Amino acid sequence: MLAAAAEPVAAAAAEAARAGLSGNLTVGLAALGAALGVGFIGMKASEAVGRNPGASTKILVQSILAIALAEAIVFYAIFLVK
């Protein structure tokens, strides 16, 4: 009798654990993507300033905006998963 009552509870606990794992995995992959994006943006901004130092202000503004957009992906993932 007790074992029959424990089965639905165990199934619900397993489902909750899978949901938590997939949410954590989603946020982790979003953070990985944002980190790669920020790295590539910084790399290309450095190359662009090296080629044209006179445009460093414009390049800086554009790279800051691009980094903010890349980081926003992580915040979207955090708030949508929770």
PDB file of N, CA and C in Angstrom:
ATOM      1  N   MET A   1       0.820  -1.187   0.000  1.00  0.00           N
ATOM      2  CA  MET A   1       0.000   0.000   0.000  1.00  0.00           C
ATOM      3  C   MET A   1       0.868   1.257   0.000  1.00  0.00           C
ATOM      4  N   LEU A   2       1.866   1.283   0.865  1.00  0.00           N
ATOM      5  CA  LEU A   2       2.743   2.445   0.954  1.00  0.00           C
ATOM      6  C   LEU A   2       3.581   2.598  -0.313  1.00  0.00           C
ATOM      7  N   ALA A   3       4.010   1.490  -0.887  1.00  0.00           N
ATOM      8  CA  ALA A   3       4.800   1.538  -2.121  1.00  0.00           C
ATOM      9  C   ALA A   3       3.974   2.080  -3.278  1.00  0.00           C
ATOM     10  N   ALA A   4       2.701   1.763  -3.323  1.00  0.00           N
ATOM     11  CA  ALA A   4       1.833   2.273  -4.388  1.00  0.00           C
ATOM     12  C   ALA A   4       1.633   3.774  -4.260  1.00  0.00           C
ATOM     13  N   ALA A   5       1.606   4.279  -3.042  1.00  0.00           N
ATOM     14  CA  ALA A   5       1.439   5.716  -2.828  1.00  0.00           C
ATOM     15  C   ALA A   5       2.729   6.470  -3.141  1.00  0.00           C
ATOM     16  N   ALA A   6       3.865   5.813  -2.985  1.00  0.00           N
ATOM     17  CA  ALA A   6       5.146   6.477  -3.213  1.00  0.00           C
ATOM     18  C   ALA A   6       5.477   6.606  -4.695  1.00  0.00           C
ATOM     19  N   GLU A   7       4.879   5.782  -5.528  1.00  0.00           N
ATOM     20  CA  GLU A   7       5.205   5.804  -6.957  1.00  0.00           C
ATOM     21  C   GLU A   7       4.866   7.135  -7.634  1.00  0.00           C
ATOM     22  N   PRO A   8       3.670   7.715  -7.438  1.00  0.00           N
ATOM     23  CA  PRO A   8       3.394   9.014  -8.074  1.00  0.00           C
ATOM     24  C   PRO A   8       4.288  10.133  -7.549  1.00  0.00           C
ATOM     25  N   VAL A   9       4.639  10.048  -6.279  1.00  0.00           N
ATOM     26  CA  VAL A   9       5.521  11.064  -5.699  1.00  0.00           C
ATOM     27  C   VAL A   9       6.904  10.977  -6.334  1.00  0.00           C
ATOM     28  N   ALA A  10       7.403   9.772  -6.524  1.00  0.00           N
ATOM     29  CA  ALA A  10       8.711   9.585  -7.151  1.00  0.00           C
ATOM     30  C   ALA A  10       8.690  10.060  -8.600  1.00  0.00           C
ATOM     31  N   ALA A  11       7.595   9.800  -9.299  1.00  0.00           N
ATOM     32  CA  ALA A  11       7.488  10.255 -10.688  1.00  0.00           C
ATOM     33  C   ALA A  11       7.465  11.776 -10.759  1.00  0.00           C
ATOM     34  N   ALA A  12       6.754  12.416  -9.838  1.00  0.00           N
ATOM     35  CA  ALA A  12       6.706  13.882  -9.817  1.00  0.00           C
ATOM     36  C   ALA A  12       8.071  14.469  -9.477  1.00  0.00           C
ATOM     37  N   ALA A  13       8.786  13.831  -8.557  1.00  0.00           N
ATOM     38  CA  ALA A  13      10.120  14.310  -8.195  1.00  0.00           C
ATOM     39  C   ALA A  13      11.091  14.170  -9.359  1.00  0.00           C
ATOM     40  N   ALA A  14      10.997  13.069 -10.091  1.00  0.00           N
ATOM     41  CA  ALA A  14      11.874  12.873 -11.248  1.00  0.00           C
ATOM     42  C   ALA A  14      11.581  13.897 -12.333  1.00  0.00           C
ATOM     43  N   GLU A  15      10.306  14.202 -12.538  1.00  0.00           N
ATOM     44  CA  GLU A  15       9.942  15.205 -13.549  1.00  0.00           C
ATOM     45  C   GLU A  15      10.436  16.589 -13.150  1.00  0.00           C
ATOM     46  N   ALA A  16      10.334  16.927 -11.866  1.00  0.00           N
ATOM     47  CA  ALA A  16      10.827  18.220 -11.392  1.00  0.00           C
ATOM     48  C   ALA A  16      12.340  18.315 -11.544  1.00  0.00           C
ATOM     49  N   ALA A  17      13.047  17.223 -11.297  1.00  0.00           N
ATOM     50  CA  ALA A  17      14.505  17.221 -11.450  1.00  0.00           C
ATOM     51  C   ALA A  17      14.899  17.408 -12.905  1.00  0.00           C
ATOM     52  N   ARG A  18      14.172  16.765 -13.819  1.00  0.00           N
ATOM     53  CA  ARG A  18      14.471  16.945 -15.245  1.00  0.00           C
ATOM     54  C   ARG A  18      14.206  18.375 -15.679  1.00  0.00           C
ATOM     55  N   ALA A  19      13.142  18.980 -15.172  1.00  0.00           N
ATOM     56  CA  ALA A  19      12.829  20.361 -15.538  1.00  0.00           C
ATOM     57  C   ALA A  19      13.920  21.301 -15.043  1.00  0.00           C
ATOM     58  N   GLY A  20      14.411  21.069 -13.831  1.00  0.00           N
ATOM     59  CA  GLY A  20      15.484  21.903 -13.296  1.00  0.00           C
ATOM     60  C   GLY A  20      16.769  21.738 -14.078  1.00  0.00           C
ATOM     61  N   LEU A  21      17.070  20.519 -14.470  1.00  0.00           N
ATOM     62  CA  LEU A  21      18.286  20.260 -15.237  1.00  0.00           C
ATOM     63  C   LEU A  21      18.216  20.917 -16.605  1.00  0.00           C
ATOM     64  N   SER A  22      17.084  20.826 -17.259  1.00  0.00           N
ATOM     65  CA  SER A  22      16.985  21.439 -18.587  1.00  0.00           C
ATOM     66  C   SER A  22      17.043  22.955 -18.491  1.00  0.00           C
ATOM     67  N   GLY A  23      16.480  23.523 -17.433  1.00  0.00           N
ATOM     68  CA  GLY A  23      16.561  24.972 -17.247  1.00  0.00           C
ATOM     69  C   GLY A  23      17.990  25.425 -17.010  1.00  0.00           C
ATOM     70  N   ASN A  24      18.702  24.683 -16.170  1.00  0.00           N
ATOM     71  CA  ASN A  24      20.101  25.022 -15.908  1.00  0.00           C
ATOM     72  C   ASN A  24      20.944  24.870 -17.163  1.00  0.00           C
ATOM     73  N   LEU A  25      20.659  23.841 -17.928  1.00  0.00           N
ATOM     74  CA  LEU A  25      21.385  23.627 -19.177  1.00  0.00           C
ATOM     75  C   LEU A  25      21.108  24.758 -20.165  1.00  0.00           C
ATOM     76  N   THR A  26      19.873  25.215 -20.214  1.00  0.00           N
ATOM     77  CA  THR A  26      19.520  26.321 -21.106  1.00  0.00           C
ATOM     78  C   THR A  26      20.281  27.590 -20.744  1.00  0.00           C
ATOM     79  N   VAL A  27      20.308  27.914 -19.464  1.00  0.00           N
ATOM     80  CA  VAL A  27      21.021  29.120 -19.023  1.00  0.00           C
ATOM     81  C   VAL A  27      22.523  28.966 -19.260  1.00  0.00           C
ATOM     82  N   GLY A  28      23.056  27.785 -19.022  1.00  0.00           N
ATOM     83  CA  GLY A  28      24.481  27.554 -19.252  1.00  0.00           C
ATOM     84  C   GLY A  28      24.870  27.708 -20.709  1.00  0.00           C
ATOM     85  N   LEU A  29      24.054  27.173 -21.602  1.00  0.00           N
ATOM     86  CA  LEU A  29      24.343  27.313 -23.034  1.00  0.00           C
ATOM     87  C   LEU A  29      24.191  28.763 -23.490  1.00  0.00           C
ATOM     88  N   ALA A  30      23.220  29.476 -22.926  1.00  0.00           N
ATOM     89  CA  ALA A  30      23.072  30.894 -23.266  1.00  0.00           C
ATOM     90  C   ALA A  30      24.289  31.686 -22.794  1.00  0.00           C
ATOM     91  N   ALA A  31      24.782  31.367 -21.603  1.00  0.00           N
ATOM     92  CA  ALA A  31      25.971  32.051 -21.093  1.00  0.00           C
ATOM     93  C   ALA A  31      27.200  31.729 -21.936  1.00  0.00           C
ATOM     94  N   LEU A  32      27.310  30.488 -22.376  1.00  0.00           N
ATOM     95  CA  LEU A  32      28.428  30.110 -23.244  1.00  0.00           C
ATOM     96  C   LEU A  32      28.363  30.870 -24.565  1.00  0.00           C
ATOM     97  N   GLY A  33      27.182  30.950 -25.143  1.00  0.00           N
ATOM     98  CA  GLY A  33      27.021  31.689 -26.395  1.00  0.00           C
ATOM     99  C   GLY A  33      27.338  33.165 -26.235  1.00  0.00           C
ATOM    100  N   ALA A  34      26.889  33.749 -25.125  1.00  0.00           N
ATOM    101  CA  ALA A  34      27.178  35.162 -24.884  1.00  0.00           C
ATOM    102  C   ALA A  34      28.669  35.391 -24.665  1.00  0.00           C
ATOM    103  N   ALA A  35      29.323  34.485 -23.957  1.00  0.00           N
ATOM    104  CA  ALA A  35      30.760  34.627 -23.728  1.00  0.00           C
ATOM    105  C   ALA A  35      31.537  34.551 -25.037  1.00  0.00           C
ATOM    106  N   LEU A  36      31.154  33.619 -25.897  1.00  0.00           N
ATOM    107  CA  LEU A  36      31.809  33.534 -27.208  1.00  0.00           C
ATOM    108  C   LEU A  36      31.537  34.791 -28.032  1.00  0.00           C
ATOM    109  N   GLY A  37      30.304  35.273 -27.977  1.00  0.00           N
ATOM    110  CA  GLY A  37      29.956  36.480 -28.727  1.00  0.00           C
ATOM    111  C   GLY A  37      30.748  37.691 -28.261  1.00  0.00           C
ATOM    112  N   VAL A  38      30.861  37.863 -26.952  1.00  0.00           N
ATOM    113  CA  VAL A  38      31.619  38.993 -26.412  1.00  0.00           C
ATOM    114  C   VAL A  38      33.093  38.866 -26.790  1.00  0.00           C
ATOM    115  N   GLY A  39      33.620  37.666 -26.754  1.00  0.00           N
ATOM    116  CA  GLY A  39      35.020  37.462 -27.141  1.00  0.00           C
ATOM    117  C   GLY A  39      35.278  37.807 -28.593  1.00  0.00           C
ATOM    118  N   PHE A  40      34.378  37.358 -29.476  1.00  0.00           N
ATOM    119  CA  PHE A  40      34.537  37.673 -30.896  1.00  0.00           C
ATOM    120  C   PHE A  40      34.369  39.166 -31.162  1.00  0.00           C
ATOM    121  N   ILE A  41      33.438  39.804 -30.461  1.00  0.00           N
ATOM    122  CA  ILE A  41      33.245  41.247 -30.634  1.00  0.00           C
ATOM    123  C   ILE A  41      34.505  41.995 -30.217  1.00  0.00           C
ATOM    124  N   GLY A  42      35.073  41.624 -29.074  1.00  0.00           N
ATOM    125  CA  GLY A  42      36.303  42.277 -28.619  1.00  0.00           C
ATOM    126  C   GLY A  42      37.467  42.043 -29.563  1.00  0.00           C
ATOM    127  N   MET A  43      37.567  40.819 -30.088  1.00  0.00           N
ATOM    128  CA  MET A  43      38.649  40.496 -31.016  1.00  0.00           C
ATOM    129  C   MET A  43      38.545  41.342 -32.282  1.00  0.00           C
ATOM    130  N   LYS A  44      37.351  41.395 -32.849  1.00  0.00           N
ATOM    131  CA  LYS A  44      37.175  42.139 -34.096  1.00  0.00           C
ATOM    132  C   LYS A  44      37.275  43.647 -33.872  1.00  0.00           C
ATOM    133  N   ALA A  45      36.841  44.127 -32.702  1.00  0.00           N
ATOM    134  CA  ALA A  45      36.985  45.556 -32.408  1.00  0.00           C
ATOM    135  C   ALA A  45      38.463  45.928 -32.289  1.00  0.00           C
ATOM    136  N   SER A  46      39.247  45.066 -31.669  1.00  0.00           N
ATOM    137  CA  SER A  46      40.689  45.328 -31.565  1.00  0.00           C
ATOM    138  C   SER A  46      41.350  45.337 -32.940  1.00  0.00           C
ATOM    139  N   GLU A  47      40.952  44.400 -33.796  1.00  0.00           N
ATOM    140  CA  GLU A  47      41.488  44.379 -35.158  1.00  0.00           C
ATOM    141  C   GLU A  47      41.099  45.642 -35.918  1.00  0.00           C
ATOM    142  N   ALA A  48      39.854  46.085 -35.744  1.00  0.00           N
ATOM    143  CA  ALA A  48      39.383  47.268 -36.463  1.00  0.00           C
ATOM    144  C   ALA A  48      40.122  48.521 -36.006  1.00  0.00           C
ATOM    145  N   VAL A  49      40.373  48.648 -34.709  1.00  0.00           N
ATOM    146  CA  VAL A  49      41.118  49.806 -34.209  1.00  0.00           C
ATOM    147  C   VAL A  49      42.562  49.743 -34.688  1.00  0.00           C
ATOM    148  N   GLY A  50      43.121  48.559 -34.791  1.00  0.00           N
ATOM    149  CA  GLY A  50      44.478  48.414 -35.311  1.00  0.00           C
ATOM    150  C   GLY A  50      44.583  48.835 -36.767  1.00  0.00           C
ATOM    151  N   ARG A  51      43.536  48.551 -37.546  1.00  0.00           N
ATOM    152  CA  ARG A  51      43.547  48.947 -38.958  1.00  0.00           C
ATOM    153  C   ARG A  51      43.274  50.435 -39.139  1.00  0.00           C
ATOM    154  N   ASN A  52      42.388  50.992 -38.298  1.00  0.00           N
ATOM    155  CA  ASN A  52      41.991  52.389 -38.452  1.00  0.00           C
ATOM    156  C   ASN A  52      41.888  53.041 -37.072  1.00  0.00           C
ATOM    157  N   PRO A  53      43.008  53.514 -36.530  1.00  0.00           N
ATOM    158  CA  PRO A  53      42.980  54.101 -35.186  1.00  0.00           C
ATOM    159  C   PRO A  53      42.136  55.369 -35.081  1.00  0.00           C
ATOM    160  N   GLY A  54      41.931  56.051 -36.173  1.00  0.00           N
ATOM    161  CA  GLY A  54      41.139  57.277 -36.144  1.00  0.00           C
ATOM    162  C   GLY A  54      39.666  57.039 -35.865  1.00  0.00           C
ATOM    163  N   ALA A  55      39.199  55.839 -36.123  1.00  0.00           N
ATOM    164  CA  ALA A  55      37.785  55.517 -35.917  1.00  0.00           C
ATOM    165  C   ALA A  55      37.558  54.779 -34.605  1.00  0.00           C
ATOM    166  N   SER A  56      38.481  54.919 -33.668  1.00  0.00           N
ATOM    167  CA  SER A  56      38.377  54.132 -32.432  1.00  0.00           C
ATOM    168  C   SER A  56      37.143  54.489 -31.609  1.00  0.00           C
ATOM    169  N   THR A  57      36.722  55.753 -31.631  1.00  0.00           N
ATOM    170  CA  THR A  57      35.534  56.139 -30.860  1.00  0.00           C
ATOM    171  C   THR A  57      34.277  55.481 -31.417  1.00  0.00           C
ATOM    172  N   LYS A  58      34.120  55.516 -32.730  1.00  0.00           N
ATOM    173  CA  LYS A  58      32.950  54.889 -33.349  1.00  0.00           C
ATOM    174  C   LYS A  58      32.961  53.378 -33.147  1.00  0.00           C
ATOM    175  N   ILE A  59      34.138  52.786 -33.249  1.00  0.00           N
ATOM    176  CA  ILE A  59      34.252  51.338 -33.051  1.00  0.00           C
ATOM    177  C   ILE A  59      33.921  50.981 -31.607  1.00  0.00           C
ATOM    178  N   LEU A  60      34.376  51.789 -30.656  1.00  0.00           N
ATOM    179  CA  LEU A  60      34.100  51.536 -29.249  1.00  0.00           C
ATOM    180  C   LEU A  60      32.603  51.584 -28.961  1.00  0.00           C
ATOM    181  N   VAL A  61      31.921  52.593 -29.495  1.00  0.00           N
ATOM    182  CA  VAL A  61      30.475  52.721 -29.271  1.00  0.00           C
ATOM    183  C   VAL A  61      29.735  51.523 -29.857  1.00  0.00           C
ATOM    184  N   GLN A  62      30.084  51.151 -31.073  1.00  0.00           N
ATOM    185  CA  GLN A  62      29.404  50.016 -31.702  1.00  0.00           C
ATOM    186  C   GLN A  62      29.694  48.708 -30.979  1.00  0.00           C
ATOM    187  N   SER A  63      30.917  48.539 -30.503  1.00  0.00           N
ATOM    188  CA  SER A  63      31.237  47.291 -29.811  1.00  0.00           C
ATOM    189  C   SER A  63      30.558  47.223 -28.443  1.00  0.00           C
ATOM    190  N   ILE A  64      30.416  48.344 -27.756  1.00  0.00           N
ATOM    191  CA  ILE A  64      29.701  48.343 -26.477  1.00  0.00           C
ATOM    192  C   ILE A  64      28.241  47.977 -26.684  1.00  0.00           C
ATOM    193  N   LEU A  65      27.618  48.515 -27.721  1.00  0.00           N
ATOM    194  CA  LEU A  65      26.227  48.163 -28.021  1.00  0.00           C
ATOM    195  C   LEU A  65      26.094  46.685 -28.378  1.00  0.00           C
ATOM    196  N   ALA A  66      27.023  46.179 -29.158  1.00  0.00           N
ATOM    197  CA  ALA A  66      26.971  44.769 -29.544  1.00  0.00           C
ATOM    198  C   ALA A  66      27.186  43.854 -28.336  1.00  0.00           C
ATOM    199  N   ILE A  67      28.072  44.233 -27.441  1.00  0.00           N
ATOM    200  CA  ILE A  67      28.295  43.437 -26.230  1.00  0.00           C
ATOM    201  C   ILE A  67      27.055  43.445 -25.349  1.00  0.00           C
ATOM    202  N   ALA A  68      26.395  44.594 -25.234  1.00  0.00           N
ATOM    203  CA  ALA A  68      25.163  44.661 -24.432  1.00  0.00           C
ATOM    204  C   ALA A  68      24.087  43.752 -25.014  1.00  0.00           C
ATOM    205  N   LEU A  69      23.969  43.715 -26.332  1.00  0.00           N
ATOM    206  CA  LEU A  69      22.980  42.833 -26.956  1.00  0.00           C
ATOM    207  C   LEU A  69      23.338  41.362 -26.754  1.00  0.00           C
ATOM    208  N   ALA A  70      24.622  41.042 -26.811  1.00  0.00           N
ATOM    209  CA  ALA A  70      25.044  39.657 -26.597  1.00  0.00           C
ATOM    210  C   ALA A  70      24.788  39.226 -25.150  1.00  0.00           C
ATOM    211  N   GLU A  71      25.030  40.115 -24.201  1.00  0.00           N
ATOM    212  CA  GLU A  71      24.793  39.793 -22.796  1.00  0.00           C
ATOM    213  C   GLU A  71      23.303  39.704 -22.482  1.00  0.00           C
ATOM    214  N   ALA A  72      22.472  40.397 -23.238  1.00  0.00           N
ATOM    215  CA  ALA A  72      21.030  40.363 -22.992  1.00  0.00           C
ATOM    216  C   ALA A  72      20.462  38.967 -23.201  1.00  0.00           C
ATOM    217  N   ILE A  73      21.097  38.176 -24.045  1.00  0.00           N
ATOM    218  CA  ILE A  73      20.625  36.811 -24.292  1.00  0.00           C
ATOM    219  C   ILE A  73      20.630  36.001 -22.999  1.00  0.00           C
ATOM    220  N   VAL A  74      21.644  36.189 -22.170  1.00  0.00           N
ATOM    221  CA  VAL A  74      21.720  35.457 -20.909  1.00  0.00           C
ATOM    222  C   VAL A  74      20.583  35.874 -19.986  1.00  0.00           C
ATOM    223  N   PHE A  75      20.303  37.165 -19.925  1.00  0.00           N
ATOM    224  CA  PHE A  75      19.221  37.626 -19.060  1.00  0.00           C
ATOM    225  C   PHE A  75      17.872  37.115 -19.545  1.00  0.00           C
ATOM    226  N   TYR A  76      17.677  37.080 -20.849  1.00  0.00           N
ATOM    227  CA  TYR A  76      16.431  36.504 -21.379  1.00  0.00           C
ATOM    228  C   TYR A  76      16.310  35.043 -20.970  1.00  0.00           C
ATOM    229  N   ALA A  77      17.386  34.302 -21.076  1.00  0.00           N
ATOM    230  CA  ALA A  77      17.347  32.880 -20.715  1.00  0.00           C
ATOM    231  C   ALA A  77      17.068  32.700 -19.226  1.00  0.00           C
ATOM    232  N   ILE A  78      17.686  33.515 -18.392  1.00  0.00           N
ATOM    233  CA  ILE A  78      17.478  33.391 -16.944  1.00  0.00           C
ATOM    234  C   ILE A  78      16.027  33.667 -16.584  1.00  0.00           C
ATOM    235  N   PHE A  79      15.472  34.737 -17.127  1.00  0.00           N
ATOM    236  CA  PHE A  79      14.111  35.111 -16.743  1.00  0.00           C
ATOM    237  C   PHE A  79      13.060  34.231 -17.395  1.00  0.00           C
ATOM    238  N   LEU A  80      13.337  33.677 -18.561  1.00  0.00           N
ATOM    239  CA  LEU A  80      12.354  32.816 -19.206  1.00  0.00           C
ATOM    240  C   LEU A  80      12.357  31.404 -18.634  1.00  0.00           C
ATOM    241  N   VAL A  81      13.493  30.962 -18.111  1.00  0.00           N
ATOM    242  CA  VAL A  81      13.575  29.607 -17.567  1.00  0.00           C
ATOM    243  C   VAL A  81      12.943  29.538 -16.182  1.00  0.00           C
ATOM    244  N   LYS A  82      13.131  30.540 -15.385  1.00  0.00           N
ATOM    245  CA  LYS A  82      12.649  30.506 -13.990  1.00  0.00           C
ATOM    246  C   LYS A  82      11.173  30.656 -13.899  1.00  0.00           C
TER     247      LYS A  82
END
